[in-house]
PDB file of N, CA and C in Angstrom:
ATOM      1  N   UNK A   1      68.661  47.024 107.862  1.00  0.00           N
ATOM      2  CA  UNK A   1      69.990  46.543 108.056  1.00  0.00           C
ATOM      3  C   UNK A   1      70.890  47.738 108.320  1.00  0.00           C
ATOM      4  N   UNK A   2      71.559  47.719 109.436  1.00  0.00           N
ATOM      5  CA  UNK A   2      72.498  48.769 109.792  1.00  0.00           C
ATOM      6  C   UNK A   2      73.893  48.181 109.775  1.00  0.00           C
ATOM      7  N   UNK A   3      74.806  48.872 109.107  1.00  0.00           N
ATOM      8  CA  UNK A   3      76.186  48.422 109.108  1.00  0.00           C
ATOM      9  C   UNK A   3      77.068  49.542 109.626  1.00  0.00           C
ATOM     10  N   UNK A   4      78.161  49.168 110.244  1.00  0.00           N
ATOM     11  CA  UNK A   4      79.117  50.141 110.751  1.00  0.00           C
ATOM     12  C   UNK A   4      80.380  50.062 109.922  1.00  0.00           C
ATOM     13  N   UNK A   5      80.954  51.209 109.658  1.00  0.00           N
ATOM     14  CA  UNK A   5      82.200  51.280 108.931  1.00  0.00           C
ATOM     15  C   UNK A   5      83.239  51.915 109.828  1.00  0.00           C
ATOM     16  N   UNK A   6      84.353  51.239 110.005  1.00  0.00           N
ATOM     17  CA  UNK A   6      85.431  51.720 110.865  1.00  0.00           C
ATOM     18  C   UNK A   6      86.359  52.612 110.050  1.00  0.00           C
ATOM     19  N   UNK A   7      86.618  53.816 110.557  1.00  0.00           N
ATOM     20  CA  UNK A   7      87.562  54.718 109.905  1.00  0.00           C
ATOM     21  C   UNK A   7      88.567  55.206 110.934  1.00  0.00           C
ATOM     22  N   UNK A   8      89.789  55.451 110.495  1.00  0.00           N
ATOM     23  CA  UNK A   8      90.838  55.925 111.392  1.00  0.00           C
ATOM     24  C   UNK A   8      91.352  57.263 110.882  1.00  0.00           C
ATOM     25  N   UNK A   9      91.394  58.253 111.769  1.00  0.00           N
ATOM     26  CA  UNK A   9      91.856  59.580 111.405  1.00  0.00           C
ATOM     27  C   UNK A   9      93.372  59.575 111.243  1.00  0.00           C
ATOM     28  N   UNK A  10      93.856  60.103 110.119  1.00  0.00           N
ATOM     29  CA  UNK A  10      95.292  60.185 109.882  1.00  0.00           C
ATOM     30  C   UNK A  10      95.943  61.189 110.823  1.00  0.00           C
ATOM     31  N   UNK A  11      95.201  62.235 111.204  1.00  0.00           N
ATOM     32  CA  UNK A  11      95.757  63.284 112.057  1.00  0.00           C
ATOM     33  C   UNK A  11      95.887  62.845 113.510  1.00  0.00           C
ATOM     34  N   UNK A  12      94.832  62.271 114.053  1.00  0.00           N
ATOM     35  CA  UNK A  12      94.823  61.967 115.480  1.00  0.00           C
ATOM     36  C   UNK A  12      94.984  60.484 115.781  1.00  0.00           C
ATOM     37  N   UNK A  13      94.773  59.632 114.794  1.00  0.00           N
ATOM     38  CA  UNK A  13      94.854  58.200 115.022  1.00  0.00           C
ATOM     39  C   UNK A  13      93.620  57.633 115.697  1.00  0.00           C
ATOM     40  N   UNK A  14      92.603  58.484 115.942  1.00  0.00           N
ATOM     41  CA  UNK A  14      91.396  58.002 116.614  1.00  0.00           C
ATOM     42  C   UNK A  14      90.533  57.202 115.638  1.00  0.00           C
ATOM     43  N   UNK A  15      89.778  56.276 116.190  1.00  0.00           N
ATOM     44  CA  UNK A  15      88.909  55.418 115.396  1.00  0.00           C
ATOM     45  C   UNK A  15      87.470  55.850 115.618  1.00  0.00           C
ATOM     46  N   UNK A  16      86.706  55.956 114.528  1.00  0.00           N
ATOM     47  CA  UNK A  16      85.290  56.282 114.643  1.00  0.00           C
ATOM     48  C   UNK A  16      84.500  55.313 113.771  1.00  0.00           C
ATOM     49  N   UNK A  17      83.225  55.185 114.055  1.00  0.00           N
ATOM     50  CA  UNK A  17      82.351  54.290 113.308  1.00  0.00           C
ATOM     51  C   UNK A  17      81.218  55.100 112.691  1.00  0.00           C
ATOM     52  N   UNK A  18      81.042  54.955 111.380  1.00  0.00           N
ATOM     53  CA  UNK A  18      79.948  55.616 110.676  1.00  0.00           C
ATOM     54  C   UNK A  18      78.862  54.569 110.458  1.00  0.00           C
ATOM     55  N   UNK A  19      77.656  54.897 110.830  1.00  0.00           N
ATOM     56  CA  UNK A  19      76.524  53.980 110.688  1.00  0.00           C
ATOM     57  C   UNK A  19      75.837  54.205 109.346  1.00  0.00           C
ATOM     58  N   UNK A  20      75.455  53.126 108.715  1.00  0.00           N
ATOM     59  CA  UNK A  20      74.659  53.191 107.494  1.00  0.00           C
ATOM     60  C   UNK A  20      73.407  52.364 107.740  1.00  0.00           C
ATOM     61  N   UNK A  21      72.247  52.986 107.616  1.00  0.00           N
ATOM     62  CA  UNK A  21      70.972  52.323 107.862  1.00  0.00           C
ATOM     63  C   UNK A  21      70.148  52.365 106.584  1.00  0.00           C
ATOM     64  N   UNK A  22      70.006  51.218 105.924  1.00  0.00           N
ATOM     65  CA  UNK A  22      69.278  51.166 104.664  1.00  0.00           C
ATOM     66  C   UNK A  22      67.809  51.529 104.852  1.00  0.00           C
ATOM     67  N   UNK A  23      67.241  51.206 106.008  1.00  0.00           N
ATOM     68  CA  UNK A  23      65.835  51.553 106.258  1.00  0.00           C
ATOM     69  C   UNK A  23      65.651  53.071 106.275  1.00  0.00           C
ATOM     70  N   UNK A  24      66.579  53.766 106.899  1.00  0.00           N
ATOM     71  CA  UNK A  24      66.520  55.228 106.948  1.00  0.00           C
ATOM     72  C   UNK A  24      66.661  55.827 105.543  1.00  0.00           C
ATOM     73  N   UNK A  25      67.554  55.254 104.757  1.00  0.00           N
ATOM     74  CA  UNK A  25      67.748  55.755 103.395  1.00  0.00           C
ATOM     75  C   UNK A  25      66.492  55.530 102.555  1.00  0.00           C
ATOM     76  N   UNK A  26      65.864  54.360 102.696  1.00  0.00           N
ATOM     77  CA  UNK A  26      64.624  54.087 101.965  1.00  0.00           C
ATOM     78  C   UNK A  26      63.546  55.107 102.326  1.00  0.00           C
ATOM     79  N   UNK A  27      63.411  55.393 103.619  1.00  0.00           N
ATOM     80  CA  UNK A  27      62.398  56.355 104.078  1.00  0.00           C
ATOM     81  C   UNK A  27      62.717  57.768 103.616  1.00  0.00           C
ATOM     82  N   UNK A  28      63.956  58.204 103.794  1.00  0.00           N
ATOM     83  CA  UNK A  28      64.306  59.588 103.464  1.00  0.00           C
ATOM     84  C   UNK A  28      64.186  59.880 101.968  1.00  0.00           C
ATOM     85  N   UNK A  29      64.430  58.874 101.139  1.00  0.00           N
ATOM     86  CA  UNK A  29      64.313  59.063  99.686  1.00  0.00           C
ATOM     87  C   UNK A  29      62.939  58.684  99.147  1.00  0.00           C
ATOM     88  N   UNK A  30      62.049  58.248 100.067  1.00  0.00           N
ATOM     89  CA  UNK A  30      60.700  57.817  99.677  1.00  0.00           C
ATOM     90  C   UNK A  30      60.767  56.789  98.545  1.00  0.00           C
ATOM     91  N   UNK A  31      61.666  55.852  98.705  1.00  0.00           N
ATOM     92  CA  UNK A  31      61.900  54.837  97.691  1.00  0.00           C
ATOM     93  C   UNK A  31      60.822  53.754  97.731  1.00  0.00           C
ATOM     94  N   UNK A  32      60.520  53.219  96.580  1.00  0.00           N
ATOM     95  CA  UNK A  32      59.552  52.126  96.489  1.00  0.00           C
ATOM     96  C   UNK A  32      60.251  50.767  96.381  1.00  0.00           C
ATOM     97  N   UNK A  33      61.563  50.750  96.526  1.00  0.00           N
ATOM     98  CA  UNK A  33      62.294  49.482  96.466  1.00  0.00           C
ATOM     99  C   UNK A  33      61.884  48.567  97.608  1.00  0.00           C
ATOM    100  N   UNK A  34      61.896  47.287  97.332  1.00  0.00           N
ATOM    101  CA  UNK A  34      61.631  46.327  98.385  1.00  0.00           C
ATOM    102  C   UNK A  34      62.916  46.071  99.166  1.00  0.00           C
ATOM    103  N   UNK A  35      62.788  45.928 100.466  1.00  0.00           N
ATOM    104  CA  UNK A  35      63.954  45.699 101.317  1.00  0.00           C
ATOM    105  C   UNK A  35      64.418  44.249 101.239  1.00  0.00           C
ATOM    106  N   UNK A  36      63.488  43.325 100.951  1.00  0.00           N
ATOM    107  CA  UNK A  36      63.817  41.914 100.974  1.00  0.00           C
ATOM    108  C   UNK A  36      62.869  41.160 100.041  1.00  0.00           C
ATOM    109  N   UNK A  37      63.392  40.128  99.384  1.00  0.00           N
ATOM    110  CA  UNK A  37      62.528  39.274  98.582  1.00  0.00           C
ATOM    111  C   UNK A  37      63.051  37.845  98.609  1.00  0.00           C
ATOM    112  N   UNK A  38      62.155  36.912  98.377  1.00  0.00           N
ATOM    113  CA  UNK A  38      62.445  35.490  98.429  1.00  0.00           C
ATOM    114  C   UNK A  38      63.258  35.068  97.207  1.00  0.00           C
ATOM    115  N   UNK A  39      64.335  34.332  97.451  1.00  0.00           N
ATOM    116  CA  UNK A  39      65.132  33.784  96.348  1.00  0.00           C
ATOM    117  C   UNK A  39      64.300  32.736  95.612  1.00  0.00           C
ATOM    118  N   UNK A  40      64.475  32.677  94.317  1.00  0.00           N
ATOM    119  CA  UNK A  40      63.742  31.740  93.476  1.00  0.00           C
ATOM    120  C   UNK A  40      64.600  30.493  93.202  1.00  0.00           C
ATOM    121  N   UNK A  41      63.979  29.394  92.819  1.00  0.00           N
ATOM    122  CA  UNK A  41      64.733  28.154  92.593  1.00  0.00           C
ATOM    123  C   UNK A  41      65.904  28.306  91.615  1.00  0.00           C
ATOM    124  N   UNK A  42      65.760  29.111  90.587  1.00  0.00           N
ATOM    125  CA  UNK A  42      66.848  29.280  89.620  1.00  0.00           C
ATOM    126  C   UNK A  42      68.014  30.100  90.191  1.00  0.00           C
ATOM    127  N   UNK A  43      67.860  30.640  91.396  1.00  0.00           N
ATOM    128  CA  UNK A  43      68.909  31.432  92.039  1.00  0.00           C
ATOM    129  C   UNK A  43      69.606  30.654  93.156  1.00  0.00           C
ATOM    130  N   UNK A  44      69.604  29.339  93.072  1.00  0.00           N
ATOM    131  CA  UNK A  44      70.113  28.508  94.166  1.00  0.00           C
ATOM    132  C   UNK A  44      71.583  28.772  94.499  1.00  0.00           C
ATOM    133  N   UNK A  45      72.381  29.151  93.523  1.00  0.00           N
ATOM    134  CA  UNK A  45      73.797  29.397  93.792  1.00  0.00           C
ATOM    135  C   UNK A  45      74.169  30.885  93.706  1.00  0.00           C
ATOM    136  N   UNK A  46      73.176  31.772  93.705  1.00  0.00           N
ATOM    137  CA  UNK A  46      73.415  33.211  93.582  1.00  0.00           C
ATOM    138  C   UNK A  46      73.651  33.819  94.964  1.00  0.00           C
ATOM    139  N   UNK A  47      74.749  34.567  95.109  1.00  0.00           N
ATOM    140  CA  UNK A  47      75.083  35.206  96.387  1.00  0.00           C
ATOM    141  C   UNK A  47      74.611  36.656  96.452  1.00  0.00           C
ATOM    142  N   UNK A  48      74.596  37.328  95.312  1.00  0.00           N
ATOM    143  CA  UNK A  48      74.185  38.735  95.241  1.00  0.00           C
ATOM    144  C   UNK A  48      73.334  38.933  93.993  1.00  0.00           C
ATOM    145  N   UNK A  49      72.487  39.954  94.042  1.00  0.00           N
ATOM    146  CA  UNK A  49      71.636  40.284  92.898  1.00  0.00           C
ATOM    147  C   UNK A  49      71.721  41.787  92.664  1.00  0.00           C
ATOM    148  N   UNK A  50      71.721  42.162  91.414  1.00  0.00           N
ATOM    149  CA  UNK A  50      71.932  43.549  91.010  1.00  0.00           C
ATOM    150  C   UNK A  50      70.771  43.962  90.117  1.00  0.00           C
ATOM    151  N   UNK A  51      70.141  45.100  90.420  1.00  0.00           N
ATOM    152  CA  UNK A  51      69.009  45.598  89.634  1.00  0.00           C
ATOM    153  C   UNK A  51      69.331  46.992  89.109  1.00  0.00           C
ATOM    154  N   UNK A  52      68.811  47.298  87.930  1.00  0.00           N
ATOM    155  CA  UNK A  52      68.977  48.622  87.332  1.00  0.00           C
ATOM    156  C   UNK A  52      67.590  49.171  87.003  1.00  0.00           C
ATOM    157  N   UNK A  53      67.303  50.367  87.482  1.00  0.00           N
ATOM    158  CA  UNK A  53      66.084  51.079  87.126  1.00  0.00           C
ATOM    159  C   UNK A  53      66.490  52.054  86.021  1.00  0.00           C
ATOM    160  N   UNK A  54      66.129  51.740  84.785  1.00  0.00           N
ATOM    161  CA  UNK A  54      66.562  52.558  83.647  1.00  0.00           C
ATOM    162  C   UNK A  54      65.812  53.876  83.542  1.00  0.00           C
ATOM    163  N   UNK A  55      64.652  53.977  84.165  1.00  0.00           N
ATOM    164  CA  UNK A  55      63.898  55.229  84.112  1.00  0.00           C
ATOM    165  C   UNK A  55      64.585  56.288  84.969  1.00  0.00           C
ATOM    166  N   UNK A  56      64.920  55.916  86.198  1.00  0.00           N
ATOM    167  CA  UNK A  56      65.571  56.860  87.121  1.00  0.00           C
ATOM    168  C   UNK A  56      67.085  56.708  87.139  1.00  0.00           C
ATOM    169  N   UNK A  57      67.616  55.755  86.369  1.00  0.00           N
ATOM    170  CA  UNK A  57      69.029  55.409  86.358  1.00  0.00           C
ATOM    171  C   UNK A  57      69.531  55.222  87.796  1.00  0.00           C
ATOM    172  N   UNK A  58      68.935  54.246  88.444  1.00  0.00           N
ATOM    173  CA  UNK A  58      69.275  53.932  89.832  1.00  0.00           C
ATOM    174  C   UNK A  58      69.632  52.454  89.921  1.00  0.00           C
ATOM    175  N   UNK A  59      70.639  52.161  90.693  1.00  0.00           N
ATOM    176  CA  UNK A  59      71.140  50.805  90.862  1.00  0.00           C
ATOM    177  C   UNK A  59      70.819  50.327  92.267  1.00  0.00           C
ATOM    178  N   UNK A  60      70.470  49.057  92.391  1.00  0.00           N
ATOM    179  CA  UNK A  60      70.243  48.475  93.720  1.00  0.00           C
ATOM    180  C   UNK A  60      70.985  47.151  93.796  1.00  0.00           C
ATOM    181  N   UNK A  61      71.538  46.912  94.965  1.00  0.00           N
ATOM    182  CA  UNK A  61      72.356  45.728  95.187  1.00  0.00           C
ATOM    183  C   UNK A  61      71.806  44.966  96.383  1.00  0.00           C
ATOM    184  N   UNK A  62      71.548  43.690  96.176  1.00  0.00           N
ATOM    185  CA  UNK A  62      71.009  42.812  97.209  1.00  0.00           C
ATOM    186  C   UNK A  62      72.016  41.701  97.492  1.00  0.00           C
ATOM    187  N   UNK A  63      72.075  41.245  98.753  1.00  0.00           N
ATOM    188  CA  UNK A  63      72.905  40.085  99.076  1.00  0.00           C
ATOM    189  C   UNK A  63      72.010  38.998  99.651  1.00  0.00           C
ATOM    190  N   UNK A  64      72.418  37.766  99.409  1.00  0.00           N
ATOM    191  CA  UNK A  64      71.624  36.633  99.867  1.00  0.00           C
ATOM    192  C   UNK A  64      71.901  36.351 101.335  1.00  0.00           C
ATOM    193  N   UNK A  65      70.815  36.186 102.080  1.00  0.00           N
ATOM    194  CA  UNK A  65      70.872  35.779 103.478  1.00  0.00           C
ATOM    195  C   UNK A  65      69.852  34.654 103.622  1.00  0.00           C
ATOM    196  N   UNK A  66      70.332  33.434 103.685  1.00  0.00           N
ATOM    197  CA  UNK A  66      69.426  32.289 103.725  1.00  0.00           C
ATOM    198  C   UNK A  66      68.652  32.169 102.428  1.00  0.00           C
ATOM    199  N   UNK A  67      67.340  32.150 102.524  1.00  0.00           N
ATOM    200  CA  UNK A  67      66.487  32.036 101.339  1.00  0.00           C
ATOM    201  C   UNK A  67      65.999  33.383 100.828  1.00  0.00           C
ATOM    202  N   UNK A  68      66.582  34.470 101.304  1.00  0.00           N
ATOM    203  CA  UNK A  68      66.145  35.813 100.930  1.00  0.00           C
ATOM    204  C   UNK A  68      67.292  36.637 100.370  1.00  0.00           C
ATOM    205  N   UNK A  69      66.923  37.638  99.570  1.00  0.00           N
ATOM    206  CA  UNK A  69      67.859  38.666  99.152  1.00  0.00           C
ATOM    207  C   UNK A  69      67.501  39.924  99.924  1.00  0.00           C
ATOM    208  N   UNK A  70      68.493  40.511 100.580  1.00  0.00           N
ATOM    209  CA  UNK A  70      68.314  41.682 101.427  1.00  0.00           C
ATOM    210  C   UNK A  70      68.998  42.868 100.756  1.00  0.00           C
ATOM    211  N   UNK A  71      68.304  44.002 100.696  1.00  0.00           N
ATOM    212  CA  UNK A  71      68.862  45.201 100.080  1.00  0.00           C
ATOM    213  C   UNK A  71      70.075  45.688 100.856  1.00  0.00           C
ATOM    214  N   UNK A  72      71.196  45.841 100.169  1.00  0.00           N
ATOM    215  CA  UNK A  72      72.419  46.379 100.763  1.00  0.00           C
ATOM    216  C   UNK A  72      72.427  47.892 100.603  1.00  0.00           C
ATOM    217  N   UNK A  73      72.174  48.362  99.367  1.00  0.00           N
ATOM    218  CA  UNK A  73      72.159  49.799  99.095  1.00  0.00           C
ATOM    219  C   UNK A  73      71.561  50.038  97.714  1.00  0.00           C
ATOM    220  N   UNK A  74      71.186  51.282  97.483  1.00  0.00           N
ATOM    221  CA  UNK A  74      70.737  51.724  96.162  1.00  0.00           C
ATOM    222  C   UNK A  74      71.326  53.107  95.938  1.00  0.00           C
ATOM    223  N   UNK A  75      71.645  53.417  94.685  1.00  0.00           N
ATOM    224  CA  UNK A  75      72.365  54.650  94.392  1.00  0.00           C
ATOM    225  C   UNK A  75      72.300  54.952  92.900  1.00  0.00           C
ATOM    226  N   UNK A  76      72.540  56.226  92.562  1.00  0.00           N
ATOM    227  CA  UNK A  76      72.596  56.650  91.162  1.00  0.00           C
ATOM    228  C   UNK A  76      74.029  56.792  90.680  1.00  0.00           C
ATOM    229  N   UNK A  77      74.946  56.904  91.611  1.00  0.00           N
ATOM    230  CA  UNK A  77      76.363  57.056  91.309  1.00  0.00           C
ATOM    231  C   UNK A  77      77.126  56.107  92.219  1.00  0.00           C
ATOM    232  N   UNK A  78      78.049  55.368  91.664  1.00  0.00           N
ATOM    233  CA  UNK A  78      78.796  54.384  92.450  1.00  0.00           C
ATOM    234  C   UNK A  78      79.523  55.032  93.633  1.00  0.00           C
ATOM    235  N   UNK A  79      79.847  56.306  93.513  1.00  0.00           N
ATOM    236  CA  UNK A  79      80.517  57.018  94.601  1.00  0.00           C
ATOM    237  C   UNK A  79      79.601  57.271  95.797  1.00  0.00           C
ATOM    238  N   UNK A  80      78.293  57.054  95.622  1.00  0.00           N
ATOM    239  CA  UNK A  80      77.323  57.206  96.705  1.00  0.00           C
ATOM    240  C   UNK A  80      77.067  55.898  97.438  1.00  0.00           C
ATOM    241  N   UNK A  81      77.613  54.799  96.944  1.00  0.00           N
ATOM    242  CA  UNK A  81      77.347  53.480  97.528  1.00  0.00           C
ATOM    243  C   UNK A  81      77.981  53.352  98.902  1.00  0.00           C
ATOM    244  N   UNK A  82      77.303  52.606  99.773  1.00  0.00           N
ATOM    245  CA  UNK A  82      77.835  52.378 101.116  1.00  0.00           C
ATOM    246  C   UNK A  82      79.053  51.451 101.031  1.00  0.00           C
ATOM    247  N   UNK A  83      79.869  51.437 102.068  1.00  0.00           N
ATOM    248  CA  UNK A  83      81.084  50.600 102.049  1.00  0.00           C
ATOM    249  C   UNK A  83      80.815  49.114 101.786  1.00  0.00           C
ATOM    250  N   UNK A  84      79.738  48.566 102.335  1.00  0.00           N
ATOM    251  CA  UNK A  84      79.447  47.158 102.101  1.00  0.00           C
ATOM    252  C   UNK A  84      79.137  46.898 100.630  1.00  0.00           C
ATOM    253  N   UNK A  85      78.392  47.802  99.994  1.00  0.00           N
ATOM    254  CA  UNK A  85      78.088  47.662  98.567  1.00  0.00           C
ATOM    255  C   UNK A  85      79.365  47.769  97.737  1.00  0.00           C
ATOM    256  N   UNK A  86      80.226  48.702  98.087  1.00  0.00           N
ATOM    257  CA  UNK A  86      81.492  48.851  97.359  1.00  0.00           C
ATOM    258  C   UNK A  86      82.347  47.595  97.476  1.00  0.00           C
ATOM    259  N   UNK A  87      82.349  46.987  98.655  1.00  0.00           N
ATOM    260  CA  UNK A  87      83.118  45.752  98.853  1.00  0.00           C
ATOM    261  C   UNK A  87      82.568  44.639  97.964  1.00  0.00           C
ATOM    262  N   UNK A  88      81.246  44.508  97.912  1.00  0.00           N
ATOM    263  CA  UNK A  88      80.625  43.499  97.053  1.00  0.00           C
ATOM    264  C   UNK A  88      80.986  43.760  95.597  1.00  0.00           C
ATOM    265  N   UNK A  89      80.934  45.011  95.178  1.00  0.00           N
ATOM    266  CA  UNK A  89      81.236  45.354  93.788  1.00  0.00           C
ATOM    267  C   UNK A  89      82.705  45.118  93.443  1.00  0.00           C
ATOM    268  N   UNK A  90      83.596  45.300  94.397  1.00  0.00           N
ATOM    269  CA  UNK A  90      85.012  44.999  94.154  1.00  0.00           C
ATOM    270  C   UNK A  90      85.202  43.500  93.904  1.00  0.00           C
ATOM    271  N   UNK A  91      84.386  42.689  94.573  1.00  0.00           N
ATOM    272  CA  UNK A  91      84.472  41.234  94.408  1.00  0.00           C
ATOM    273  C   UNK A  91      83.655  40.742  93.211  1.00  0.00           C
ATOM    274  N   UNK A  92      82.845  41.625  92.615  1.00  0.00           N
ATOM    275  CA  UNK A  92      81.975  41.276  91.493  1.00  0.00           C
ATOM    276  C   UNK A  92      82.209  42.296  90.375  1.00  0.00           C
ATOM    277  N   UNK A  93      83.340  42.196  89.672  1.00  0.00           N
ATOM    278  CA  UNK A  93      83.706  43.221  88.681  1.00  0.00           C
ATOM    279  C   UNK A  93      82.718  43.377  87.531  1.00  0.00           C
ATOM    280  N   UNK A  94      81.988  42.315  87.174  1.00  0.00           N
ATOM    281  CA  UNK A  94      81.013  42.441  86.092  1.00  0.00           C
ATOM    282  C   UNK A  94      79.909  43.426  86.470  1.00  0.00           C
ATOM    283  N   UNK A  95      79.429  43.356  87.696  1.00  0.00           N
ATOM    284  CA  UNK A  95      78.385  44.281  88.149  1.00  0.00           C
ATOM    285  C   UNK A  95      78.944  45.699  88.238  1.00  0.00           C
ATOM    286  N   UNK A  96      80.147  45.825  88.781  1.00  0.00           N
ATOM    287  CA  UNK A  96      80.767  47.153  88.895  1.00  0.00           C
ATOM    288  C   UNK A  96      80.946  47.776  87.511  1.00  0.00           C
ATOM    289  N   UNK A  97      81.433  47.000  86.560  1.00  0.00           N
ATOM    290  CA  UNK A  97      81.634  47.525  85.205  1.00  0.00           C
ATOM    291  C   UNK A  97      80.309  47.875  84.539  1.00  0.00           C
ATOM    292  N   UNK A  98      79.271  47.118  84.833  1.00  0.00           N
ATOM    293  CA  UNK A  98      77.942  47.435  84.303  1.00  0.00           C
ATOM    294  C   UNK A  98      77.469  48.788  84.826  1.00  0.00           C
ATOM    295  N   UNK A  99      77.632  49.013  86.124  1.00  0.00           N
ATOM    296  CA  UNK A  99      77.235  50.299  86.719  1.00  0.00           C
ATOM    297  C   UNK A  99      78.020  51.437  86.087  1.00  0.00           C
ATOM    298  N   UNK A 100      79.332  51.267  85.986  1.00  0.00           N
ATOM    299  CA  UNK A 100      80.158  52.323  85.396  1.00  0.00           C
ATOM    300  C   UNK A 100      79.763  52.585  83.946  1.00  0.00           C
ATOM    301  N   UNK A 101      79.427  51.535  83.202  1.00  0.00           N
ATOM    302  CA  UNK A 101      78.988  51.700  81.820  1.00  0.00           C
ATOM    303  C   UNK A 101      77.669  52.449  81.719  1.00  0.00           C
ATOM    304  N   UNK A 102      76.699  52.100  82.580  1.00  0.00           N
ATOM    305  CA  UNK A 102      75.414  52.799  82.578  1.00  0.00           C
ATOM    306  C   UNK A 102      75.586  54.256  82.994  1.00  0.00           C
ATOM    307  N   UNK A 103      76.474  54.507  83.963  1.00  0.00           N
ATOM    308  CA  UNK A 103      76.717  55.895  84.389  1.00  0.00           C
ATOM    309  C   UNK A 103      77.314  56.698  83.242  1.00  0.00           C
ATOM    310  N   UNK A 104      78.254  56.119  82.521  1.00  0.00           N
ATOM    311  CA  UNK A 104      78.864  56.808  81.373  1.00  0.00           C
ATOM    312  C   UNK A 104      77.829  57.068  80.284  1.00  0.00           C
ATOM    313  N   UNK A 105      76.980  56.098  80.029  1.00  0.00           N
ATOM    314  CA  UNK A 105      75.924  56.260  79.035  1.00  0.00           C
ATOM    315  C   UNK A 105      74.980  57.413  79.436  1.00  0.00           C
ATOM    316  N   UNK A 106      74.607  57.467  80.706  1.00  0.00           N
ATOM    317  CA  UNK A 106      73.701  58.526  81.179  1.00  0.00           C
ATOM    318  C   UNK A 106      74.342  59.907  81.053  1.00  0.00           C
ATOM    319  N   UNK A 107      75.637  60.000  81.310  1.00  0.00           N
ATOM    320  CA  UNK A 107      76.337  61.296  81.192  1.00  0.00           C
ATOM    321  C   UNK A 107      76.402  61.775  79.752  1.00  0.00           C
ATOM    322  N   UNK A 108      76.488  60.834  78.818  1.00  0.00           N
ATOM    323  CA  UNK A 108      76.656  61.191  77.410  1.00  0.00           C
ATOM    324  C   UNK A 108      75.343  61.328  76.654  1.00  0.00           C
ATOM    325  N   UNK A 109      74.224  61.092  77.309  1.00  0.00           N
ATOM    326  CA  UNK A 109      72.927  61.173  76.613  1.00  0.00           C
ATOM    327  C   UNK A 109      71.974  62.093  77.322  1.00  0.00           C
TER     328      UNK A 109
END
């Protein structure tokens, strides 16, 4: 999944697009995360899914597309998340607060 993010330069007013390719990120980090998985019957009304890897302290965020959950992004720090993941987290404060809590716990231990 490739997403484009539109940014506008304050100095010149020009518009540029930054590409984010989750497949490239998976390959470059040699991640074992699955890119897509089938939604289960108990997830009939779930729009997004959030996973935490407590060993590596890594977060992954999936969004529902039809009967599947598709990986949006994975990260160890919320500041590393792609714009689409940040938008989802802004709309899902419980997940965002969970990530921030786990990050704080990791810093203090």
